[in-house]
N, C-alpha and C. Protein backbone atom coordinates (compact mmCIF):
# COMPACT_ATOMS: atom_id res chain seq x y z
N UNK A 1 69.98 116.81 105.59
CA UNK A 1 70.95 115.70 105.69
C UNK A 1 72.21 116.19 106.38
N UNK A 2 72.58 115.65 107.53
CA UNK A 2 73.75 116.14 108.24
C UNK A 2 75.05 115.72 107.57
N UNK A 3 76.08 116.51 107.77
CA UNK A 3 77.41 116.18 107.24
C UNK A 3 77.96 114.99 108.00
N UNK A 4 78.48 113.98 107.30
CA UNK A 4 79.04 112.83 107.99
C UNK A 4 80.30 113.23 108.75
N UNK A 5 80.59 112.51 109.78
CA UNK A 5 81.72 112.83 110.64
C UNK A 5 83.03 112.71 109.87
N UNK A 6 83.84 113.74 109.96
CA UNK A 6 85.10 113.75 109.22
C UNK A 6 86.19 112.98 109.97
N UNK A 7 87.26 112.66 109.25
CA UNK A 7 88.39 111.92 109.77
C UNK A 7 89.62 112.81 109.82
N UNK A 8 90.51 112.51 110.76
CA UNK A 8 91.78 113.21 110.88
C UNK A 8 92.91 112.20 110.75
N UNK A 9 93.87 112.51 109.88
CA UNK A 9 94.97 111.59 109.59
C UNK A 9 96.30 112.31 109.77
N UNK A 10 96.93 112.20 110.95
CA UNK A 10 98.24 112.82 111.14
C UNK A 10 99.27 112.26 110.15
N UNK A 11 100.04 113.16 109.56
CA UNK A 11 101.04 112.76 108.58
C UNK A 11 102.36 112.45 109.26
N UNK A 12 102.77 111.20 109.18
CA UNK A 12 103.98 110.74 109.87
C UNK A 12 105.23 111.41 109.30
N UNK A 13 105.14 111.98 108.11
CA UNK A 13 106.29 112.66 107.51
C UNK A 13 106.79 113.79 108.41
N UNK A 14 105.91 114.36 109.21
CA UNK A 14 106.28 115.47 110.10
C UNK A 14 106.64 115.00 111.51
N UNK A 15 106.62 113.70 111.75
CA UNK A 15 106.97 113.19 113.07
C UNK A 15 108.47 113.34 113.33
N UNK A 16 108.87 113.15 114.57
CA UNK A 16 110.27 113.17 114.96
C UNK A 16 110.83 111.77 114.73
N UNK A 17 111.61 111.60 113.68
CA UNK A 17 112.08 110.26 113.32
C UNK A 17 113.02 109.66 114.37
N UNK A 18 113.64 110.51 115.19
CA UNK A 18 114.49 110.00 116.26
C UNK A 18 113.66 109.43 117.41
N UNK A 19 112.40 109.79 117.45
CA UNK A 19 111.50 109.30 118.49
C UNK A 19 110.19 108.83 117.85
N UNK A 20 110.32 108.07 116.78
CA UNK A 20 109.16 107.69 115.98
C UNK A 20 108.18 106.85 116.78
N UNK A 21 108.68 105.95 117.60
CA UNK A 21 107.78 105.12 118.40
C UNK A 21 106.90 105.98 119.29
N UNK A 22 107.49 107.02 119.91
CA UNK A 22 106.73 107.90 120.80
C UNK A 22 105.61 108.61 120.04
N UNK A 23 105.92 109.05 118.80
CA UNK A 23 104.89 109.75 118.02
C UNK A 23 103.80 108.79 117.55
N UNK A 24 104.17 107.56 117.22
CA UNK A 24 103.16 106.56 116.85
C UNK A 24 102.26 106.27 118.04
N UNK A 25 102.86 106.13 119.22
CA UNK A 25 102.07 105.88 120.42
C UNK A 25 101.13 107.05 120.71
N UNK A 26 101.61 108.27 120.49
CA UNK A 26 100.76 109.45 120.71
C UNK A 26 99.54 109.41 119.79
N UNK A 27 99.75 109.10 118.52
CA UNK A 27 98.63 109.03 117.58
C UNK A 27 97.67 107.91 117.98
N UNK A 28 98.22 106.77 118.40
CA UNK A 28 97.37 105.67 118.87
C UNK A 28 96.42 106.10 119.98
N UNK A 29 96.93 106.91 120.89
CA UNK A 29 96.17 107.31 122.07
C UNK A 29 95.29 108.53 121.84
N UNK A 30 95.43 109.15 120.68
CA UNK A 30 94.70 110.38 120.37
C UNK A 30 93.35 110.07 119.73
N UNK A 31 92.66 111.13 119.33
CA UNK A 31 91.38 110.99 118.63
C UNK A 31 91.54 110.84 117.12
N UNK A 32 92.78 110.71 116.66
CA UNK A 32 93.03 110.54 115.22
C UNK A 32 92.37 109.26 114.71
N UNK A 33 92.06 109.25 113.42
CA UNK A 33 91.40 108.10 112.80
C UNK A 33 92.37 107.22 112.02
N UNK A 34 93.31 107.83 111.31
CA UNK A 34 94.26 107.11 110.47
C UNK A 34 95.67 107.60 110.73
N UNK A 35 96.65 106.80 110.34
CA UNK A 35 98.02 107.27 110.13
C UNK A 35 98.17 107.55 108.64
N UNK A 36 98.63 108.74 108.30
CA UNK A 36 98.90 109.05 106.90
C UNK A 36 100.40 108.93 106.67
N UNK A 37 100.79 108.09 105.71
CA UNK A 37 102.20 107.79 105.48
C UNK A 37 102.55 108.12 104.04
N UNK A 38 103.42 109.10 103.86
CA UNK A 38 103.86 109.52 102.52
C UNK A 38 105.11 108.76 102.12
N UNK A 39 105.04 108.07 100.99
CA UNK A 39 106.17 107.35 100.44
C UNK A 39 106.65 108.11 99.21
N UNK A 40 107.89 108.62 99.25
CA UNK A 40 108.43 109.44 98.16
C UNK A 40 109.70 108.79 97.61
N UNK A 41 109.86 108.86 96.29
CA UNK A 41 110.97 108.15 95.65
C UNK A 41 112.07 109.06 95.11
N UNK A 42 111.92 110.37 95.24
CA UNK A 42 112.93 111.27 94.70
C UNK A 42 112.87 111.44 93.20
N UNK A 43 111.88 110.80 92.56
CA UNK A 43 111.71 110.90 91.11
C UNK A 43 110.39 111.59 90.80
N UNK A 44 109.29 111.02 91.28
CA UNK A 44 107.98 111.65 91.07
C UNK A 44 107.90 112.98 91.81
N UNK A 45 108.51 113.04 92.99
CA UNK A 45 108.61 114.28 93.76
C UNK A 45 110.06 114.49 94.14
N UNK A 46 110.48 115.76 94.36
CA UNK A 46 111.89 116.04 94.63
C UNK A 46 112.29 115.83 96.08
N UNK A 47 111.98 114.66 96.60
CA UNK A 47 112.34 114.34 97.98
C UNK A 47 112.25 112.83 98.15
N UNK A 48 112.95 112.30 99.14
CA UNK A 48 112.88 110.88 99.49
C UNK A 48 112.45 110.81 100.94
N UNK A 49 111.41 110.01 101.23
CA UNK A 49 110.96 109.91 102.62
C UNK A 49 111.50 108.64 103.24
N UNK A 50 110.74 107.58 103.28
CA UNK A 50 111.20 106.32 103.87
C UNK A 50 110.60 105.16 103.11
N UNK A 51 111.22 104.00 103.29
CA UNK A 51 110.80 102.84 102.54
C UNK A 51 110.17 101.77 103.40
N UNK A 52 110.29 100.54 102.94
CA UNK A 52 109.57 99.44 103.58
C UNK A 52 109.98 99.17 105.03
N UNK A 53 111.25 99.24 105.41
CA UNK A 53 111.59 98.94 106.81
C UNK A 53 110.94 99.89 107.80
N UNK A 54 110.94 101.18 107.50
CA UNK A 54 110.33 102.15 108.41
C UNK A 54 108.82 101.97 108.42
N UNK A 55 108.22 101.76 107.26
CA UNK A 55 106.78 101.54 107.21
C UNK A 55 106.40 100.29 108.00
N UNK A 56 107.21 99.25 107.91
CA UNK A 56 106.94 98.02 108.65
C UNK A 56 106.98 98.28 110.15
N UNK A 57 107.90 99.14 110.59
CA UNK A 57 107.98 99.46 112.01
C UNK A 57 106.75 100.24 112.47
N UNK A 58 106.32 101.19 111.64
CA UNK A 58 105.10 101.93 111.97
C UNK A 58 103.90 100.99 112.05
N UNK A 59 103.80 100.11 111.05
CA UNK A 59 102.67 99.17 111.00
C UNK A 59 102.65 98.24 112.21
N UNK A 60 103.82 97.88 112.69
CA UNK A 60 103.91 96.97 113.83
C UNK A 60 103.28 97.56 115.08
N UNK A 61 103.44 98.87 115.26
CA UNK A 61 102.97 99.51 116.48
C UNK A 61 101.65 100.27 116.30
N UNK A 62 101.28 100.57 115.06
CA UNK A 62 100.07 101.36 114.81
C UNK A 62 98.82 100.56 115.16
N UNK A 63 97.90 101.20 115.84
CA UNK A 63 96.63 100.58 116.21
C UNK A 63 95.47 101.16 115.41
N UNK A 64 95.80 101.99 114.44
CA UNK A 64 94.79 102.61 113.58
C UNK A 64 95.18 102.36 112.13
N UNK A 65 94.22 102.47 111.20
CA UNK A 65 94.51 102.15 109.80
C UNK A 65 95.65 102.98 109.22
N UNK A 66 96.40 102.35 108.32
CA UNK A 66 97.49 103.02 107.62
C UNK A 66 97.00 103.50 106.26
N UNK A 67 97.03 104.79 106.07
CA UNK A 67 96.65 105.46 104.83
C UNK A 67 97.94 105.78 104.09
N UNK A 68 98.31 104.91 103.14
CA UNK A 68 99.61 105.00 102.50
C UNK A 68 99.49 105.75 101.17
N UNK A 69 100.21 106.85 101.07
CA UNK A 69 100.14 107.76 99.92
C UNK A 69 101.42 107.60 99.12
N UNK A 70 101.30 106.99 97.94
CA UNK A 70 102.46 106.69 97.12
C UNK A 70 102.76 107.84 96.16
N UNK A 71 103.79 108.60 96.45
CA UNK A 71 104.27 109.65 95.55
C UNK A 71 105.48 109.09 94.81
N UNK A 72 105.21 108.09 93.99
CA UNK A 72 106.28 107.36 93.31
C UNK A 72 105.87 107.05 91.88
N UNK A 73 106.87 106.85 91.03
CA UNK A 73 106.59 106.43 89.66
C UNK A 73 106.33 104.93 89.65
N UNK A 74 105.53 104.49 88.71
CA UNK A 74 105.22 103.06 88.51
C UNK A 74 104.87 102.37 89.83
N UNK A 75 103.84 102.84 90.53
CA UNK A 75 103.51 102.24 91.83
C UNK A 75 103.06 100.79 91.76
N UNK A 76 102.63 100.33 90.60
CA UNK A 76 102.15 98.95 90.46
C UNK A 76 103.19 97.93 90.91
N UNK A 77 104.47 98.29 90.79
CA UNK A 77 105.54 97.34 91.14
C UNK A 77 105.51 96.97 92.62
N UNK A 78 104.94 97.84 93.46
CA UNK A 78 105.09 97.67 94.90
C UNK A 78 103.78 97.47 95.65
N UNK A 79 102.66 97.41 94.94
CA UNK A 79 101.37 97.34 95.63
C UNK A 79 101.28 96.14 96.57
N UNK A 80 101.71 94.99 96.12
CA UNK A 80 101.62 93.79 96.96
C UNK A 80 102.46 93.93 98.22
N UNK A 81 103.64 94.58 98.11
CA UNK A 81 104.51 94.74 99.28
C UNK A 81 103.87 95.68 100.30
N UNK A 82 103.26 96.75 99.81
CA UNK A 82 102.62 97.67 100.74
C UNK A 82 101.44 97.01 101.44
N UNK A 83 100.68 96.22 100.70
CA UNK A 83 99.56 95.51 101.32
C UNK A 83 100.08 94.50 102.35
N UNK A 84 101.15 93.80 102.02
CA UNK A 84 101.69 92.79 102.92
C UNK A 84 102.22 93.39 104.21
N UNK A 85 102.76 94.60 104.14
CA UNK A 85 103.28 95.26 105.32
C UNK A 85 102.16 95.72 106.24
N UNK A 86 101.00 96.06 105.65
CA UNK A 86 99.89 96.46 106.49
C UNK A 86 99.11 97.67 106.05
N UNK A 87 99.31 98.12 104.81
CA UNK A 87 98.54 99.26 104.32
C UNK A 87 97.06 98.91 104.26
N UNK A 88 96.23 99.79 104.76
CA UNK A 88 94.78 99.60 104.70
C UNK A 88 94.20 100.32 103.49
N UNK A 89 94.65 101.54 103.26
CA UNK A 89 94.29 102.29 102.06
C UNK A 89 95.58 102.59 101.30
N UNK A 90 95.55 102.40 100.00
CA UNK A 90 96.69 102.74 99.15
C UNK A 90 96.23 103.77 98.14
N UNK A 91 96.89 104.92 98.15
CA UNK A 91 96.56 106.00 97.22
C UNK A 91 97.71 106.21 96.25
N UNK A 92 97.39 106.21 94.97
CA UNK A 92 98.37 106.45 93.92
C UNK A 92 98.04 107.76 93.23
N UNK A 93 99.03 108.34 92.58
CA UNK A 93 98.81 109.59 91.85
C UNK A 93 98.34 109.31 90.43
N UNK A 94 97.30 110.01 90.03
CA UNK A 94 96.81 109.88 88.66
C UNK A 94 97.92 110.20 87.66
N UNK A 95 98.77 111.16 88.01
CA UNK A 95 99.84 111.60 87.11
C UNK A 95 100.92 110.53 86.93
N UNK A 96 100.97 109.55 87.85
CA UNK A 96 102.04 108.55 87.82
C UNK A 96 101.61 107.22 87.23
N UNK A 97 100.33 107.09 86.88
CA UNK A 97 99.79 105.80 86.45
C UNK A 97 99.37 105.85 84.98
N UNK A 98 100.01 105.02 84.18
CA UNK A 98 99.65 104.95 82.76
C UNK A 98 98.27 104.34 82.58
N UNK A 99 97.97 103.30 83.36
CA UNK A 99 96.69 102.61 83.28
C UNK A 99 96.03 102.69 84.66
N UNK A 100 95.42 103.83 84.94
CA UNK A 100 94.92 104.11 86.28
C UNK A 100 93.83 103.14 86.71
N UNK A 101 92.91 102.81 85.82
CA UNK A 101 91.84 101.88 86.20
C UNK A 101 92.41 100.52 86.61
N UNK A 102 93.40 100.06 85.90
CA UNK A 102 94.02 98.77 86.22
C UNK A 102 94.70 98.83 87.59
N UNK A 103 95.38 99.94 87.88
CA UNK A 103 96.05 100.09 89.17
C UNK A 103 95.05 100.09 90.32
N UNK A 104 93.95 100.83 90.14
CA UNK A 104 92.91 100.87 91.17
C UNK A 104 92.31 99.49 91.38
N UNK A 105 92.06 98.77 90.30
CA UNK A 105 91.53 97.42 90.40
C UNK A 105 92.49 96.51 91.16
N UNK A 106 93.78 96.65 90.90
CA UNK A 106 94.78 95.82 91.58
C UNK A 106 94.80 96.09 93.07
N UNK A 107 94.65 97.35 93.47
CA UNK A 107 94.62 97.70 94.89
C UNK A 107 93.43 97.04 95.57
N UNK A 108 92.29 97.11 94.93
CA UNK A 108 91.09 96.51 95.52
C UNK A 108 91.17 94.99 95.58
N UNK A 109 91.79 94.38 94.58
CA UNK A 109 91.94 92.93 94.58
C UNK A 109 92.84 92.46 95.72
N UNK A 110 93.71 93.35 96.20
CA UNK A 110 94.57 93.04 97.34
C UNK A 110 93.84 93.18 98.67
N UNK A 111 92.61 93.67 98.63
CA UNK A 111 91.82 93.83 99.84
C UNK A 111 91.96 95.17 100.51
N UNK A 112 92.63 96.11 99.85
CA UNK A 112 92.77 97.46 100.39
C UNK A 112 91.72 98.38 99.77
N UNK A 113 91.39 99.47 100.45
CA UNK A 113 90.62 100.51 99.80
C UNK A 113 91.57 101.29 98.89
N UNK A 114 91.00 101.86 97.84
CA UNK A 114 91.81 102.47 96.79
C UNK A 114 91.59 103.97 96.73
N UNK A 115 92.69 104.69 96.66
CA UNK A 115 92.63 106.14 96.54
C UNK A 115 93.40 106.62 95.32
N UNK A 116 92.97 107.75 94.79
CA UNK A 116 93.69 108.42 93.71
C UNK A 116 93.95 109.86 94.13
N UNK A 117 95.18 110.29 93.96
CA UNK A 117 95.57 111.66 94.30
C UNK A 117 95.83 112.46 93.03
N UNK A 118 95.58 113.77 93.12
CA UNK A 118 95.96 114.66 92.03
C UNK A 118 96.71 115.86 92.61
N UNK A 119 97.67 116.34 91.85
CA UNK A 119 98.47 117.50 92.23
C UNK A 119 97.68 118.79 92.06
N UNK A 120 98.17 119.88 92.65
CA UNK A 120 97.42 121.15 92.56
C UNK A 120 97.13 121.61 91.13
N UNK A 121 98.03 121.35 90.20
CA UNK A 121 97.83 121.82 88.83
C UNK A 121 96.99 120.88 87.98
N UNK A 122 96.62 119.73 88.52
CA UNK A 122 95.81 118.76 87.78
C UNK A 122 94.33 119.06 88.01
N UNK A 123 93.56 119.28 86.95
CA UNK A 123 92.14 119.62 87.14
C UNK A 123 91.33 118.42 87.60
N UNK A 124 90.27 118.69 88.33
CA UNK A 124 89.36 117.65 88.81
C UNK A 124 88.75 116.87 87.65
N UNK A 125 88.59 117.50 86.51
CA UNK A 125 87.99 116.83 85.36
C UNK A 125 88.76 115.58 84.93
N UNK A 126 90.04 115.49 85.31
CA UNK A 126 90.82 114.31 84.96
C UNK A 126 90.35 113.05 85.70
N UNK A 127 89.51 113.26 86.70
CA UNK A 127 88.98 112.13 87.48
C UNK A 127 87.64 111.62 86.97
N UNK A 128 87.16 112.19 85.89
CA UNK A 128 85.81 111.90 85.42
C UNK A 128 85.59 110.42 85.19
N UNK A 129 86.58 109.73 84.62
CA UNK A 129 86.40 108.32 84.27
C UNK A 129 86.75 107.36 85.40
N UNK A 130 87.24 107.87 86.54
CA UNK A 130 87.67 106.99 87.61
C UNK A 130 86.89 107.20 88.90
N UNK A 131 86.11 108.27 88.98
CA UNK A 131 85.50 108.66 90.25
C UNK A 131 84.57 107.59 90.82
N UNK A 132 83.96 106.81 89.96
CA UNK A 132 83.03 105.77 90.44
C UNK A 132 83.76 104.55 91.00
N UNK A 133 85.05 104.43 90.74
CA UNK A 133 85.78 103.20 91.04
C UNK A 133 86.71 103.33 92.25
N UNK A 134 86.76 104.48 92.89
CA UNK A 134 87.69 104.68 93.99
C UNK A 134 86.94 104.94 95.29
N UNK A 135 87.62 104.70 96.39
CA UNK A 135 87.07 104.96 97.71
C UNK A 135 87.44 106.35 98.22
N UNK A 136 88.62 106.82 97.79
CA UNK A 136 89.17 108.09 98.28
C UNK A 136 89.75 108.85 97.10
N UNK A 137 89.53 110.16 97.09
CA UNK A 137 90.30 111.04 96.22
C UNK A 137 91.05 112.02 97.11
N UNK A 138 92.36 112.04 96.94
CA UNK A 138 93.21 112.94 97.72
C UNK A 138 93.56 114.15 96.86
N UNK A 139 93.16 115.32 97.31
CA UNK A 139 93.52 116.56 96.64
C UNK A 139 94.74 117.15 97.32
N UNK A 140 95.84 117.25 96.59
CA UNK A 140 97.03 117.90 97.14
C UNK A 140 96.77 119.40 97.21
N UNK A 141 96.93 119.96 98.40
CA UNK A 141 96.72 121.40 98.59
C UNK A 141 98.04 122.14 98.76
N UNK A 142 99.14 121.43 98.50
CA UNK A 142 100.47 122.02 98.30
C UNK A 142 101.12 121.20 97.20
N UNK A 143 102.22 121.68 96.65
CA UNK A 143 102.95 120.88 95.69
C UNK A 143 103.68 119.77 96.44
N UNK A 144 103.51 118.52 96.02
CA UNK A 144 104.00 117.40 96.83
C UNK A 144 105.52 117.35 96.93
N UNK A 145 105.97 116.84 98.08
CA UNK A 145 107.39 116.62 98.25
C UNK A 145 107.93 117.05 99.59
N UNK A 146 107.35 118.09 100.17
CA UNK A 146 107.87 118.63 101.43
C UNK A 146 106.73 119.06 102.34
N UNK A 147 106.91 118.85 103.64
CA UNK A 147 105.94 119.33 104.61
C UNK A 147 106.14 120.80 104.91
N UNK A 148 105.15 121.39 105.58
CA UNK A 148 105.26 122.77 106.03
C UNK A 148 105.05 123.83 104.98
N UNK A 149 104.48 123.47 103.82
CA UNK A 149 104.27 124.45 102.76
C UNK A 149 102.97 125.23 102.98
N UNK A 150 102.87 126.36 102.25
CA UNK A 150 101.69 127.21 102.34
C UNK A 150 100.53 126.58 101.56
N UNK A 151 99.38 126.58 102.17
CA UNK A 151 98.15 126.05 101.59
C UNK A 151 97.77 126.81 100.32
N UNK A 152 97.35 126.08 99.28
CA UNK A 152 96.93 126.67 98.00
C UNK A 152 95.43 126.91 98.03
N UNK A 153 95.02 128.17 97.92
CA UNK A 153 93.63 128.56 98.16
C UNK A 153 92.64 127.99 97.14
N UNK A 154 93.09 127.66 95.94
CA UNK A 154 92.17 127.13 94.94
C UNK A 154 91.65 125.74 95.31
N UNK A 155 92.20 125.17 96.39
CA UNK A 155 91.75 123.85 96.84
C UNK A 155 90.26 123.84 97.18
N UNK A 156 89.76 124.94 97.75
CA UNK A 156 88.34 125.00 98.12
C UNK A 156 87.46 124.79 96.88
N UNK A 157 87.81 125.45 95.78
CA UNK A 157 87.04 125.29 94.55
C UNK A 157 87.12 123.86 94.05
N UNK A 158 88.30 123.25 94.13
CA UNK A 158 88.46 121.89 93.64
C UNK A 158 87.65 120.90 94.47
N UNK A 159 87.54 121.14 95.77
CA UNK A 159 86.71 120.27 96.61
C UNK A 159 85.27 120.31 96.13
N UNK A 160 84.76 121.51 95.90
CA UNK A 160 83.36 121.65 95.47
C UNK A 160 83.15 121.00 94.10
N UNK A 161 84.13 121.17 93.20
CA UNK A 161 84.02 120.55 91.87
C UNK A 161 84.01 119.03 91.98
N UNK A 162 84.85 118.50 92.85
CA UNK A 162 84.91 117.06 93.02
C UNK A 162 83.64 116.52 93.65
N UNK A 163 83.10 117.22 94.64
CA UNK A 163 81.85 116.77 95.27
C UNK A 163 80.73 116.76 94.24
N UNK A 164 80.68 117.78 93.38
CA UNK A 164 79.67 117.81 92.32
C UNK A 164 79.87 116.64 91.35
N UNK A 165 81.12 116.35 91.01
CA UNK A 165 81.41 115.26 90.09
C UNK A 165 80.97 113.91 90.66
N UNK A 166 81.17 113.74 91.98
CA UNK A 166 80.87 112.44 92.62
C UNK A 166 79.40 112.26 92.95
N UNK A 167 78.66 113.36 93.07
CA UNK A 167 77.26 113.26 93.47
C UNK A 167 76.45 112.44 92.48
N UNK A 168 75.79 111.40 93.00
CA UNK A 168 74.99 110.54 92.15
C UNK A 168 75.78 109.44 91.48
N UNK A 169 77.10 109.54 91.50
CA UNK A 169 77.94 108.51 90.89
C UNK A 169 78.73 107.74 91.94
N UNK A 170 79.14 108.43 92.99
CA UNK A 170 79.88 107.80 94.09
C UNK A 170 79.65 108.64 95.34
N UNK A 171 78.49 108.50 95.92
CA UNK A 171 78.11 109.33 97.07
C UNK A 171 78.89 108.98 98.34
N UNK A 172 79.55 107.83 98.34
CA UNK A 172 80.35 107.43 99.50
C UNK A 172 81.81 107.84 99.39
N UNK A 173 82.16 108.54 98.32
CA UNK A 173 83.54 108.95 98.11
C UNK A 173 84.03 109.82 99.26
N UNK A 174 85.23 109.51 99.75
CA UNK A 174 85.89 110.34 100.75
C UNK A 174 86.84 111.30 100.04
N UNK A 175 86.68 112.58 100.33
CA UNK A 175 87.58 113.59 99.79
C UNK A 175 88.61 113.94 100.85
N UNK A 176 89.86 113.69 100.53
CA UNK A 176 90.96 113.87 101.48
C UNK A 176 91.81 115.06 101.05
N UNK A 177 92.21 115.87 102.01
CA UNK A 177 93.01 117.06 101.73
C UNK A 177 94.36 116.92 102.41
N UNK A 178 95.42 117.15 101.64
CA UNK A 178 96.78 116.93 102.15
C UNK A 178 97.66 118.13 101.79
N UNK A 179 98.08 118.87 102.83
CA UNK A 179 99.02 119.96 102.62
C UNK A 179 98.55 121.27 103.21
N UNK A 180 99.27 121.76 104.20
CA UNK A 180 98.94 123.05 104.78
C UNK A 180 97.66 123.08 105.59
N UNK A 181 97.20 121.91 106.04
CA UNK A 181 95.95 121.85 106.81
C UNK A 181 96.24 122.14 108.28
N UNK A 182 95.42 123.01 108.87
CA UNK A 182 95.57 123.36 110.28
C UNK A 182 94.21 123.78 110.83
N UNK A 183 94.20 124.13 112.09
CA UNK A 183 92.95 124.59 112.71
C UNK A 183 92.45 125.88 112.08
N UNK A 184 93.32 126.59 111.36
CA UNK A 184 92.93 127.87 110.75
C UNK A 184 92.07 127.68 109.50
N UNK A 185 92.24 126.58 108.79
CA UNK A 185 91.47 126.38 107.55
C UNK A 185 90.63 125.11 107.57
N UNK A 186 90.72 124.32 108.63
CA UNK A 186 90.02 123.03 108.67
C UNK A 186 88.51 123.18 108.51
N UNK A 187 87.92 124.13 109.21
CA UNK A 187 86.47 124.28 109.15
C UNK A 187 86.02 124.66 107.74
N UNK A 188 86.75 125.56 107.09
CA UNK A 188 86.40 125.95 105.73
C UNK A 188 86.53 124.77 104.77
N UNK A 189 87.52 123.92 104.98
CA UNK A 189 87.68 122.73 104.14
C UNK A 189 86.51 121.77 104.32
N UNK A 190 86.10 121.57 105.55
CA UNK A 190 84.98 120.68 105.82
C UNK A 190 83.68 121.24 105.25
N UNK A 191 83.49 122.52 105.36
CA UNK A 191 82.29 123.14 104.80
C UNK A 191 82.26 123.04 103.28
N UNK A 192 83.43 123.06 102.67
CA UNK A 192 83.50 122.94 101.21
C UNK A 192 83.17 121.52 100.74
N UNK A 193 83.30 120.53 101.66
CA UNK A 193 82.96 119.17 101.30
C UNK A 193 84.02 118.13 101.59
N UNK A 194 85.11 118.51 102.27
CA UNK A 194 86.17 117.55 102.60
C UNK A 194 85.70 116.57 103.67
N UNK A 195 86.26 115.36 103.65
CA UNK A 195 85.94 114.32 104.62
C UNK A 195 87.13 113.92 105.47
N UNK A 196 88.33 114.02 104.93
CA UNK A 196 89.54 113.56 105.62
C UNK A 196 90.57 114.69 105.60
N UNK A 197 91.04 115.05 106.79
CA UNK A 197 92.05 116.10 106.92
C UNK A 197 93.39 115.47 107.27
N UNK A 198 94.35 115.62 106.37
CA UNK A 198 95.72 115.20 106.64
C UNK A 198 96.47 116.39 107.19
N UNK A 199 97.06 116.25 108.36
CA UNK A 199 97.80 117.35 108.97
C UNK A 199 99.11 116.81 109.52
N UNK A 200 100.18 117.48 109.19
CA UNK A 200 101.49 117.05 109.65
C UNK A 200 102.14 118.07 110.56
N UNK A 201 102.65 119.12 109.95
CA UNK A 201 103.39 120.13 110.72
C UNK A 201 102.53 120.76 111.81
N UNK A 202 101.23 121.02 111.49
CA UNK A 202 100.37 121.68 112.48
C UNK A 202 100.10 120.80 113.69
N UNK A 203 100.29 119.50 113.55
CA UNK A 203 100.12 118.58 114.69
C UNK A 203 101.44 118.34 115.42
N UNK A 204 102.45 117.89 114.67
CA UNK A 204 103.67 117.44 115.32
C UNK A 204 104.57 118.58 115.81
N UNK A 205 104.35 119.80 115.31
CA UNK A 205 105.11 120.94 115.82
C UNK A 205 104.41 121.62 116.99
N UNK A 206 103.19 121.19 117.29
CA UNK A 206 102.44 121.78 118.40
C UNK A 206 103.01 121.29 119.73
N UNK A 207 102.96 122.15 120.73
CA UNK A 207 103.45 121.76 122.05
C UNK A 207 102.62 120.62 122.64
N UNK A 208 101.37 120.52 122.20
CA UNK A 208 100.48 119.46 122.66
C UNK A 208 99.82 118.82 121.44
N UNK A 209 100.51 117.88 120.77
CA UNK A 209 99.97 117.28 119.54
C UNK A 209 98.61 116.61 119.74
N UNK A 210 98.42 115.98 120.89
CA UNK A 210 97.13 115.32 121.15
C UNK A 210 96.00 116.34 121.14
N UNK A 211 96.24 117.50 121.71
CA UNK A 211 95.23 118.57 121.72
C UNK A 211 95.00 119.09 120.30
N UNK A 212 96.08 119.20 119.51
CA UNK A 212 95.94 119.68 118.13
C UNK A 212 95.06 118.73 117.32
N UNK A 213 95.23 117.43 117.54
CA UNK A 213 94.39 116.44 116.86
C UNK A 213 92.94 116.58 117.31
N UNK A 214 92.75 116.71 118.61
CA UNK A 214 91.38 116.84 119.15
C UNK A 214 90.70 118.09 118.59
N UNK A 215 91.46 119.16 118.44
CA UNK A 215 90.88 120.40 117.91
C UNK A 215 90.40 120.20 116.48
N UNK A 216 91.17 119.46 115.68
CA UNK A 216 90.75 119.19 114.31
C UNK A 216 89.52 118.27 114.28
N UNK A 217 89.46 117.32 115.20
CA UNK A 217 88.33 116.40 115.24
C UNK A 217 87.04 117.11 115.64
N UNK A 218 87.15 118.14 116.45
CA UNK A 218 85.97 118.79 117.00
C UNK A 218 85.41 119.88 116.10
N UNK A 219 86.05 120.12 114.96
CA UNK A 219 85.47 121.03 113.99
C UNK A 219 84.11 120.48 113.58
N UNK A 220 83.09 121.31 113.56
CA UNK A 220 81.73 120.80 113.33
C UNK A 220 80.97 121.66 112.33
N UNK A 221 81.19 121.45 111.05
CA UNK A 221 80.41 122.18 110.05
C UNK A 221 78.96 121.75 110.10
N UNK A 222 78.05 122.69 109.97
CA UNK A 222 76.62 122.35 110.06
C UNK A 222 75.95 122.45 108.70
N UNK A 223 76.76 122.52 107.64
CA UNK A 223 76.20 122.55 106.29
C UNK A 223 76.98 121.56 105.43
N UNK A 224 76.36 121.17 104.33
CA UNK A 224 77.02 120.22 103.43
C UNK A 224 78.14 120.89 102.66
N UNK A 225 77.92 122.10 102.18
CA UNK A 225 78.94 122.78 101.38
C UNK A 225 78.72 124.27 101.46
N UNK A 226 79.70 125.01 100.94
CA UNK A 226 79.60 126.47 100.88
C UNK A 226 79.87 126.92 99.46
């Protein structure tokens, strides 16, 4: 059984905000599959990114799906607004949701695909009761809040654990990796079982971001896992 084709999602958090339109246009014209948009509130994570006006501007010009990652407390308050602006996938953190099943159900009722993220210190076992109900699980491979951090090596083990957990229960689950992803570790992540690579600094700091995206897309693991 061949490995399904993986997706690449450039993280807009690492874009040049003074020239945001140019970076959105670059992603549109590249081989990227999604726009990954991190929304931070300064409470759940120690940083503030951008809110609805900036997201609306991105959505207006984006020609590819918006993968919106909510690093915020009580995300249920804003799900309808994110959907209305143009979010295609909405990912919430398991650590931020008191009633995670209800939140996931609400996302799907809005017509979006639903994702759940977990931080590096959160074990995969915490997803046992939700894995059948989500479209995406995002594994944070750095501590959330800032771009450009060093990749956490235990992520490979967590990918394999998650793939084992999903096998037979949700075989269509997409495993997304966010943090420290580059051409140096992308192939190993894909071999471990990842499906979606979120890359920010390694793309937008490259002299040729379009080429950096293409390089990530052309990674070709020939095995299901390692």
